[in-house]
Structures are given as structure tokens and as C-alpha cells.
Amino acid sequence: MKRTIRGAVAELPEPDQTVLRLRDIEQLSAAEAAERTGLTVAAVKAHLHRSRARRRERLNSYFLGEE
């Protein structure tokens, strides 16, 4: 399962992958992630939303047997 989750994250484009790791794994605030990446807070939020949706779609297809 860990391999599947890591694979789903690895498939994300940059900076979506980085933002997801900073916010969900390192648990940084949006402002802290923005500072680290050089993005605006609004851009961090947009990338996070997009990356979570893509990861959810990928994992749903895996766990629901649609692959």
C-alpha cells in the first residue's frame, strides 16, 4: 500500500508534488510552504487542492479495481 501511495504522489507534476509533501507530510502552513517554494499562498492552496484531487482519483481507481 505504501508503494501505491508513494507512486501516486510521484506521478504528480511539480510543484504539486512539493506542495503536497510540505503541507500534508511536513504539516507546514500555507504561508510556510509558500515561503519555501517561492509561490504565493493562493498558488500553494491551488496546487494543494489539485494534487489532492489527482492523488484521490489515482488511489480510488487502484482500490476500486478500475486499473
PDB file of N, CA and C in Angstrom:
ATOM      1  N   MET A   1       0.831  -1.177   0.000  1.00  0.00           N
ATOM      2  CA  MET A   1       0.000   0.000   0.000  1.00  0.00           C
ATOM      3  C   MET A   1       0.883   1.250   0.000  1.00  0.00           C
ATOM      4  N   LYS A   2       1.969   1.228   0.790  1.00  0.00           N
ATOM      5  CA  LYS A   2       2.867   2.386   0.819  1.00  0.00           C
ATOM      6  C   LYS A   2       3.425   2.672  -0.565  1.00  0.00           C
ATOM      7  N   ARG A   3       3.770   1.619  -1.283  1.00  0.00           N
ATOM      8  CA  ARG A   3       4.313   1.787  -2.630  1.00  0.00           C
ATOM      9  C   ARG A   3       3.282   2.432  -3.550  1.00  0.00           C
ATOM     10  N   THR A   4       2.044   2.042  -3.423  1.00  0.00           N
ATOM     11  CA  THR A   4       0.971   2.604  -4.238  1.00  0.00           C
ATOM     12  C   THR A   4       0.773   4.085  -3.932  1.00  0.00           C
ATOM     13  N   ILE A   5       0.782   4.423  -2.666  1.00  0.00           N
ATOM     14  CA  ILE A   5       0.609   5.826  -2.272  1.00  0.00           C
ATOM     15  C   ILE A   5       1.797   6.653  -2.730  1.00  0.00           C
ATOM     16  N   ARG A   6       3.000   6.132  -2.519  1.00  0.00           N
ATOM     17  CA  ARG A   6       4.193   6.854  -2.980  1.00  0.00           C
ATOM     18  C   ARG A   6       4.173   7.032  -4.490  1.00  0.00           C
ATOM     19  N   GLY A   7       3.724   6.004  -5.195  1.00  0.00           N
ATOM     20  CA  GLY A   7       3.626   6.093  -6.651  1.00  0.00           C
ATOM     21  C   GLY A   7       2.636   7.147  -7.090  1.00  0.00           C
ATOM     22  N   ALA A   8       1.518   7.233  -6.388  1.00  0.00           N
ATOM     23  CA  ALA A   8       0.504   8.242  -6.716  1.00  0.00           C
ATOM     24  C   ALA A   8       1.052   9.643  -6.497  1.00  0.00           C
ATOM     25  N   VAL A   9       1.834   9.821  -5.456  1.00  0.00           N
ATOM     26  CA  VAL A   9       2.442  11.130  -5.197  1.00  0.00           C
ATOM     27  C   VAL A   9       3.524  11.414  -6.231  1.00  0.00           C
ATOM     28  N   ALA A  10       4.322  10.409  -6.557  1.00  0.00           N
ATOM     29  CA  ALA A  10       5.414  10.591  -7.518  1.00  0.00           C
ATOM     30  C   ALA A  10       4.905  10.943  -8.914  1.00  0.00           C
ATOM     31  N   GLU A  11       3.688  10.560  -9.235  1.00  0.00           N
ATOM     32  CA  GLU A  11       3.111  10.855 -10.553  1.00  0.00           C
ATOM     33  C   GLU A  11       2.666  12.311 -10.685  1.00  0.00           C
ATOM     34  N   LEU A  12       2.560  13.005  -9.576  1.00  0.00           N
ATOM     35  CA  LEU A  12       2.123  14.398  -9.616  1.00  0.00           C
ATOM     36  C   LEU A  12       3.196  15.274 -10.246  1.00  0.00           C
ATOM     37  N   PRO A  13       2.790  16.268 -11.006  1.00  0.00           N
ATOM     38  CA  PRO A  13       3.777  17.197 -11.563  1.00  0.00           C
ATOM     39  C   PRO A  13       4.281  18.148 -10.477  1.00  0.00           C
ATOM     40  N   GLU A  14       5.422  18.735 -10.733  1.00  0.00           N
ATOM     41  CA  GLU A  14       5.929  19.781  -9.843  1.00  0.00           C
ATOM     42  C   GLU A  14       5.230  21.080 -10.202  1.00  0.00           C
ATOM     43  N   PRO A  15       4.939  21.969  -9.313  1.00  0.00           N
ATOM     44  CA  PRO A  15       5.217  21.933  -7.878  1.00  0.00           C
ATOM     45  C   PRO A  15       4.126  21.267  -7.045  1.00  0.00           C
ATOM     46  N   ASP A  16       3.147  20.630  -7.689  1.00  0.00           N
ATOM     47  CA  ASP A  16       2.075  19.973  -6.930  1.00  0.00           C
ATOM     48  C   ASP A  16       2.647  18.970  -5.929  1.00  0.00           C
ATOM     49  N   GLN A  17       3.613  18.183  -6.381  1.00  0.00           N
ATOM     50  CA  GLN A  17       4.219  17.166  -5.532  1.00  0.00           C
ATOM     51  C   GLN A  17       4.896  17.795  -4.308  1.00  0.00           C
ATOM     52  N   THR A  18       5.651  18.832  -4.534  1.00  0.00           N
ATOM     53  CA  THR A  18       6.344  19.503  -3.433  1.00  0.00           C
ATOM     54  C   THR A  18       5.363  20.125  -2.453  1.00  0.00           C
ATOM     55  N   VAL A  19       4.362  20.804  -2.965  1.00  0.00           N
ATOM     56  CA  VAL A  19       3.367  21.440  -2.095  1.00  0.00           C
ATOM     57  C   VAL A  19       2.646  20.385  -1.268  1.00  0.00           C
ATOM     58  N   LEU A  20       2.274  19.288  -1.870  1.00  0.00           N
ATOM     59  CA  LEU A  20       1.593  18.206  -1.145  1.00  0.00           C
ATOM     60  C   LEU A  20       2.479  17.678  -0.022  1.00  0.00           C
ATOM     61  N   ARG A  21       3.739  17.453  -0.317  1.00  0.00           N
ATOM     62  CA  ARG A  21       4.661  16.949   0.715  1.00  0.00           C
ATOM     63  C   ARG A  21       4.819  17.962   1.854  1.00  0.00           C
ATOM     64  N   LEU A  22       4.985  19.231   1.511  1.00  0.00           N
ATOM     65  CA  LEU A  22       5.167  20.251   2.547  1.00  0.00           C
ATOM     66  C   LEU A  22       3.937  20.399   3.423  1.00  0.00           C
ATOM     67  N   ARG A  23       2.757  20.380   2.815  1.00  0.00           N
ATOM     68  CA  ARG A  23       1.524  20.612   3.580  1.00  0.00           C
ATOM     69  C   ARG A  23       1.052  19.352   4.301  1.00  0.00           C
ATOM     70  N   ASP A  24       1.015  18.214   3.619  1.00  0.00           N
ATOM     71  CA  ASP A  24       0.416  17.011   4.208  1.00  0.00           C
ATOM     72  C   ASP A  24       1.402  16.120   4.955  1.00  0.00           C
ATOM     73  N   ILE A  25       2.649  16.131   4.579  1.00  0.00           N
ATOM     74  CA  ILE A  25       3.616  15.269   5.248  1.00  0.00           C
ATOM     75  C   ILE A  25       4.391  16.058   6.301  1.00  0.00           C
ATOM     76  N   GLU A  26       4.940  17.209   5.901  1.00  0.00           N
ATOM     77  CA  GLU A  26       5.688  18.023   6.854  1.00  0.00           C
ATOM     78  C   GLU A  26       4.790  18.920   7.688  1.00  0.00           C
ATOM     79  N   GLN A  27       3.524  19.019   7.304  1.00  0.00           N
ATOM     80  CA  GLN A  27       2.496  19.768   8.014  1.00  0.00           C
ATOM     81  C   GLN A  27       2.856  21.246   8.213  1.00  0.00           C
ATOM     82  N   LEU A  28       3.415  21.838   7.155  1.00  0.00           N
ATOM     83  CA  LEU A  28       3.683  23.266   7.183  1.00  0.00           C
ATOM     84  C   LEU A  28       2.398  24.029   6.876  1.00  0.00           C
ATOM     85  N   SER A  29       2.327  25.244   7.326  1.00  0.00           N
ATOM     86  CA  SER A  29       1.186  26.094   6.985  1.00  0.00           C
ATOM     87  C   SER A  29       1.310  26.499   5.519  1.00  0.00           C
ATOM     88  N   ALA A  30       0.234  27.051   4.983  1.00  0.00           N
ATOM     89  CA  ALA A  30       0.274  27.524   3.594  1.00  0.00           C
ATOM     90  C   ALA A  30       1.318  28.622   3.450  1.00  0.00           C
ATOM     91  N   ALA A  31       1.421  29.496   4.434  1.00  0.00           N
ATOM     92  CA  ALA A  31       2.404  30.581   4.386  1.00  0.00           C
ATOM     93  C   ALA A  31       3.831  30.029   4.409  1.00  0.00           C
ATOM     94  N   GLU A  32       4.071  29.025   5.246  1.00  0.00           N
ATOM     95  CA  GLU A  32       5.406  28.422   5.312  1.00  0.00           C
ATOM     96  C   GLU A  32       5.756  27.704   4.008  1.00  0.00           C
ATOM     97  N   ALA A  33       4.787  26.995   3.433  1.00  0.00           N
ATOM     98  CA  ALA A  33       5.021  26.316   2.164  1.00  0.00           C
ATOM     99  C   ALA A  33       5.274  27.331   1.056  1.00  0.00           C
ATOM    100  N   ALA A  34       4.558  28.442   1.091  1.00  0.00           N
ATOM    101  CA  ALA A  34       4.759  29.493   0.097  1.00  0.00           C
ATOM    102  C   ALA A  34       6.167  30.075   0.205  1.00  0.00           C
ATOM    103  N   GLU A  35       6.614  30.279   1.414  1.00  0.00           N
ATOM    104  CA  GLU A  35       7.954  30.820   1.633  1.00  0.00           C
ATOM    105  C   GLU A  35       9.026  29.863   1.111  1.00  0.00           C
ATOM    106  N   ARG A  36       8.833  28.572   1.367  1.00  0.00           N
ATOM    107  CA  ARG A  36       9.817  27.578   0.922  1.00  0.00           C
ATOM    108  C   ARG A  36       9.861  27.416  -0.585  1.00  0.00           C
ATOM    109  N   THR A  37       8.699  27.531  -1.229  1.00  0.00           N
ATOM    110  CA  THR A  37       8.625  27.275  -2.669  1.00  0.00           C
ATOM    111  C   THR A  37       8.734  28.530  -3.519  1.00  0.00           C
ATOM    112  N   GLY A  38       8.534  29.683  -2.905  1.00  0.00           N
ATOM    113  CA  GLY A  38       8.544  30.917  -3.671  1.00  0.00           C
ATOM    114  C   GLY A  38       7.221  31.206  -4.357  1.00  0.00           C
ATOM    115  N   LEU A  39       6.203  30.431  -4.036  1.00  0.00           N
ATOM    116  CA  LEU A  39       4.860  30.641  -4.577  1.00  0.00           C
ATOM    117  C   LEU A  39       4.074  31.559  -3.649  1.00  0.00           C
ATOM    118  N   THR A  40       2.969  32.076  -4.136  1.00  0.00           N
ATOM    119  CA  THR A  40       2.073  32.828  -3.266  1.00  0.00           C
ATOM    120  C   THR A  40       1.253  31.843  -2.442  1.00  0.00           C
ATOM    121  N   VAL A  41       0.656  32.334  -1.376  1.00  0.00           N
ATOM    122  CA  VAL A  41      -0.205  31.476  -0.555  1.00  0.00           C
ATOM    123  C   VAL A  41      -1.370  30.958  -1.400  1.00  0.00           C
ATOM    124  N   ALA A  42      -1.943  31.800  -2.243  1.00  0.00           N
ATOM    125  CA  ALA A  42      -3.045  31.383  -3.111  1.00  0.00           C
ATOM    126  C   ALA A  42      -2.595  30.269  -4.060  1.00  0.00           C
ATOM    127  N   ALA A  43      -1.400  30.389  -4.593  1.00  0.00           N
ATOM    128  CA  ALA A  43      -0.880  29.359  -5.504  1.00  0.00           C
ATOM    129  C   ALA A  43      -0.643  28.047  -4.759  1.00  0.00           C
ATOM    130  N   VAL A  44      -0.136  28.128  -3.537  1.00  0.00           N
ATOM    131  CA  VAL A  44       0.064  26.921  -2.726  1.00  0.00           C
ATOM    132  C   VAL A  44      -1.270  26.220  -2.510  1.00  0.00           C
ATOM    133  N   LYS A  45      -2.295  26.979  -2.170  1.00  0.00           N
ATOM    134  CA  LYS A  45      -3.615  26.392  -1.941  1.00  0.00           C
ATOM    135  C   LYS A  45      -4.161  25.751  -3.204  1.00  0.00           C
ATOM    136  N   ALA A  46      -3.965  26.388  -4.348  1.00  0.00           N
ATOM    137  CA  ALA A  46      -4.440  25.835  -5.616  1.00  0.00           C
ATOM    138  C   ALA A  46      -3.692  24.543  -5.964  1.00  0.00           C
ATOM    139  N   HIS A  47      -2.374  24.550  -5.793  1.00  0.00           N
ATOM    140  CA  HIS A  47      -1.588  23.347  -6.074  1.00  0.00           C
ATOM    141  C   HIS A  47      -1.966  22.219  -5.124  1.00  0.00           C
ATOM    142  N   LEU A  48      -2.210  22.539  -3.869  1.00  0.00           N
ATOM    143  CA  LEU A  48      -2.594  21.516  -2.897  1.00  0.00           C
ATOM    144  C   LEU A  48      -3.937  20.909  -3.263  1.00  0.00           C
ATOM    145  N   HIS A  49      -4.896  21.745  -3.599  1.00  0.00           N
ATOM    146  CA  HIS A  49      -6.217  21.252  -3.985  1.00  0.00           C
ATOM    147  C   HIS A  49      -6.109  20.325  -5.201  1.00  0.00           C
ATOM    148  N   ARG A  50      -5.367  20.774  -6.201  1.00  0.00           N
ATOM    149  CA  ARG A  50      -5.198  19.994  -7.427  1.00  0.00           C
ATOM    150  C   ARG A  50      -4.474  18.664  -7.149  1.00  0.00           C
ATOM    151  N   SER A  51      -3.428  18.704  -6.341  1.00  0.00           N
ATOM    152  CA  SER A  51      -2.666  17.487  -6.082  1.00  0.00           C
ATOM    153  C   SER A  51      -3.469  16.491  -5.252  1.00  0.00           C
ATOM    154  N   ARG A  52      -4.241  16.965  -4.301  1.00  0.00           N
ATOM    155  CA  ARG A  52      -5.089  16.051  -3.519  1.00  0.00           C
ATOM    156  C   ARG A  52      -6.141  15.392  -4.404  1.00  0.00           C
ATOM    157  N   ALA A  53      -6.727  16.162  -5.303  1.00  0.00           N
ATOM    158  CA  ALA A  53      -7.744  15.608  -6.203  1.00  0.00           C
ATOM    159  C   ALA A  53      -7.135  14.548  -7.124  1.00  0.00           C
ATOM    160  N   ARG A  54      -5.972  14.830  -7.671  1.00  0.00           N
ATOM    161  CA  ARG A  54      -5.317  13.858  -8.562  1.00  0.00           C
ATOM    162  C   ARG A  54      -4.916  12.603  -7.807  1.00  0.00           C
ATOM    163  N   ARG A  55      -4.386  12.780  -6.618  1.00  0.00           N
ATOM    164  CA  ARG A  55      -3.992  11.620  -5.811  1.00  0.00           C
ATOM    165  C   ARG A  55      -5.212  10.791  -5.438  1.00  0.00           C
ATOM    166  N   ARG A  56      -6.284  11.451  -5.057  1.00  0.00           N
ATOM    167  CA  ARG A  56      -7.521  10.749  -4.695  1.00  0.00           C
ATOM    168  C   ARG A  56      -8.056   9.959  -5.891  1.00  0.00           C
ATOM    169  N   GLU A  57      -8.042  10.579  -7.066  1.00  0.00           N
ATOM    170  CA  GLU A  57      -8.513   9.903  -8.281  1.00  0.00           C
ATOM    171  C   GLU A  57      -7.676   8.658  -8.570  1.00  0.00           C
ATOM    172  N   ARG A  58      -6.375   8.798  -8.469  1.00  0.00           N
ATOM    173  CA  ARG A  58      -5.467   7.676  -8.739  1.00  0.00           C
ATOM    174  C   ARG A  58      -5.671   6.549  -7.736  1.00  0.00           C
ATOM    175  N   LEU A  59      -5.764   6.898  -6.454  1.00  0.00           N
ATOM    176  CA  LEU A  59      -5.931   5.869  -5.431  1.00  0.00           C
ATOM    177  C   LEU A  59      -7.316   5.235  -5.485  1.00  0.00           C
ATOM    178  N   ASN A  60      -8.336   6.012  -5.796  1.00  0.00           N
ATOM    179  CA  ASN A  60      -9.674   5.434  -5.943  1.00  0.00           C
ATOM    180  C   ASN A  60      -9.689   4.396  -7.050  1.00  0.00           C
ATOM    181  N   SER A  61      -9.067   4.704  -8.171  1.00  0.00           N
ATOM    182  CA  SER A  61      -9.057   3.744  -9.275  1.00  0.00           C
ATOM    183  C   SER A  61      -8.297   2.483  -8.882  1.00  0.00           C
ATOM    184  N   TYR A  62      -7.247   2.629  -8.097  1.00  0.00           N
ATOM    185  CA  TYR A  62      -6.483   1.464  -7.650  1.00  0.00           C
ATOM    186  C   TYR A  62      -7.298   0.617  -6.674  1.00  0.00           C
ATOM    187  N   PHE A  63      -7.852   1.248  -5.639  1.00  0.00           N
ATOM    188  CA  PHE A  63      -8.555   0.491  -4.612  1.00  0.00           C
ATOM    189  C   PHE A  63      -9.926   0.002  -5.058  1.00  0.00           C
ATOM    190  N   LEU A  64     -10.501   0.635  -6.044  1.00  0.00           N
ATOM    191  CA  LEU A  64     -11.798   0.165  -6.549  1.00  0.00           C
ATOM    192  C   LEU A  64     -11.639  -0.795  -7.714  1.00  0.00           C
ATOM    193  N   GLY A  65     -10.391  -1.115  -8.049  1.00  0.00           N
ATOM    194  CA  GLY A  65     -10.113  -2.097  -9.077  1.00  0.00           C
ATOM    195  C   GLY A  65     -10.380  -1.629 -10.488  1.00  0.00           C
ATOM    196  N   GLU A  66     -10.252  -0.342 -10.746  1.00  0.00           N
ATOM    197  CA  GLU A  66     -10.518   0.189 -12.070  1.00  0.00           C
ATOM    198  C   GLU A  66      -9.260   0.302 -12.910  1.00  0.00           C
ATOM    199  N   GLU A  67      -8.136  -0.192 -12.430  1.00  0.00           N
ATOM    200  CA  GLU A  67      -6.891  -0.148 -13.209  1.00  0.00           C
ATOM    201  C   GLU A  67      -6.732  -1.409 -13.991  1.00  0.00           C
TER     202      GLU A  67
END
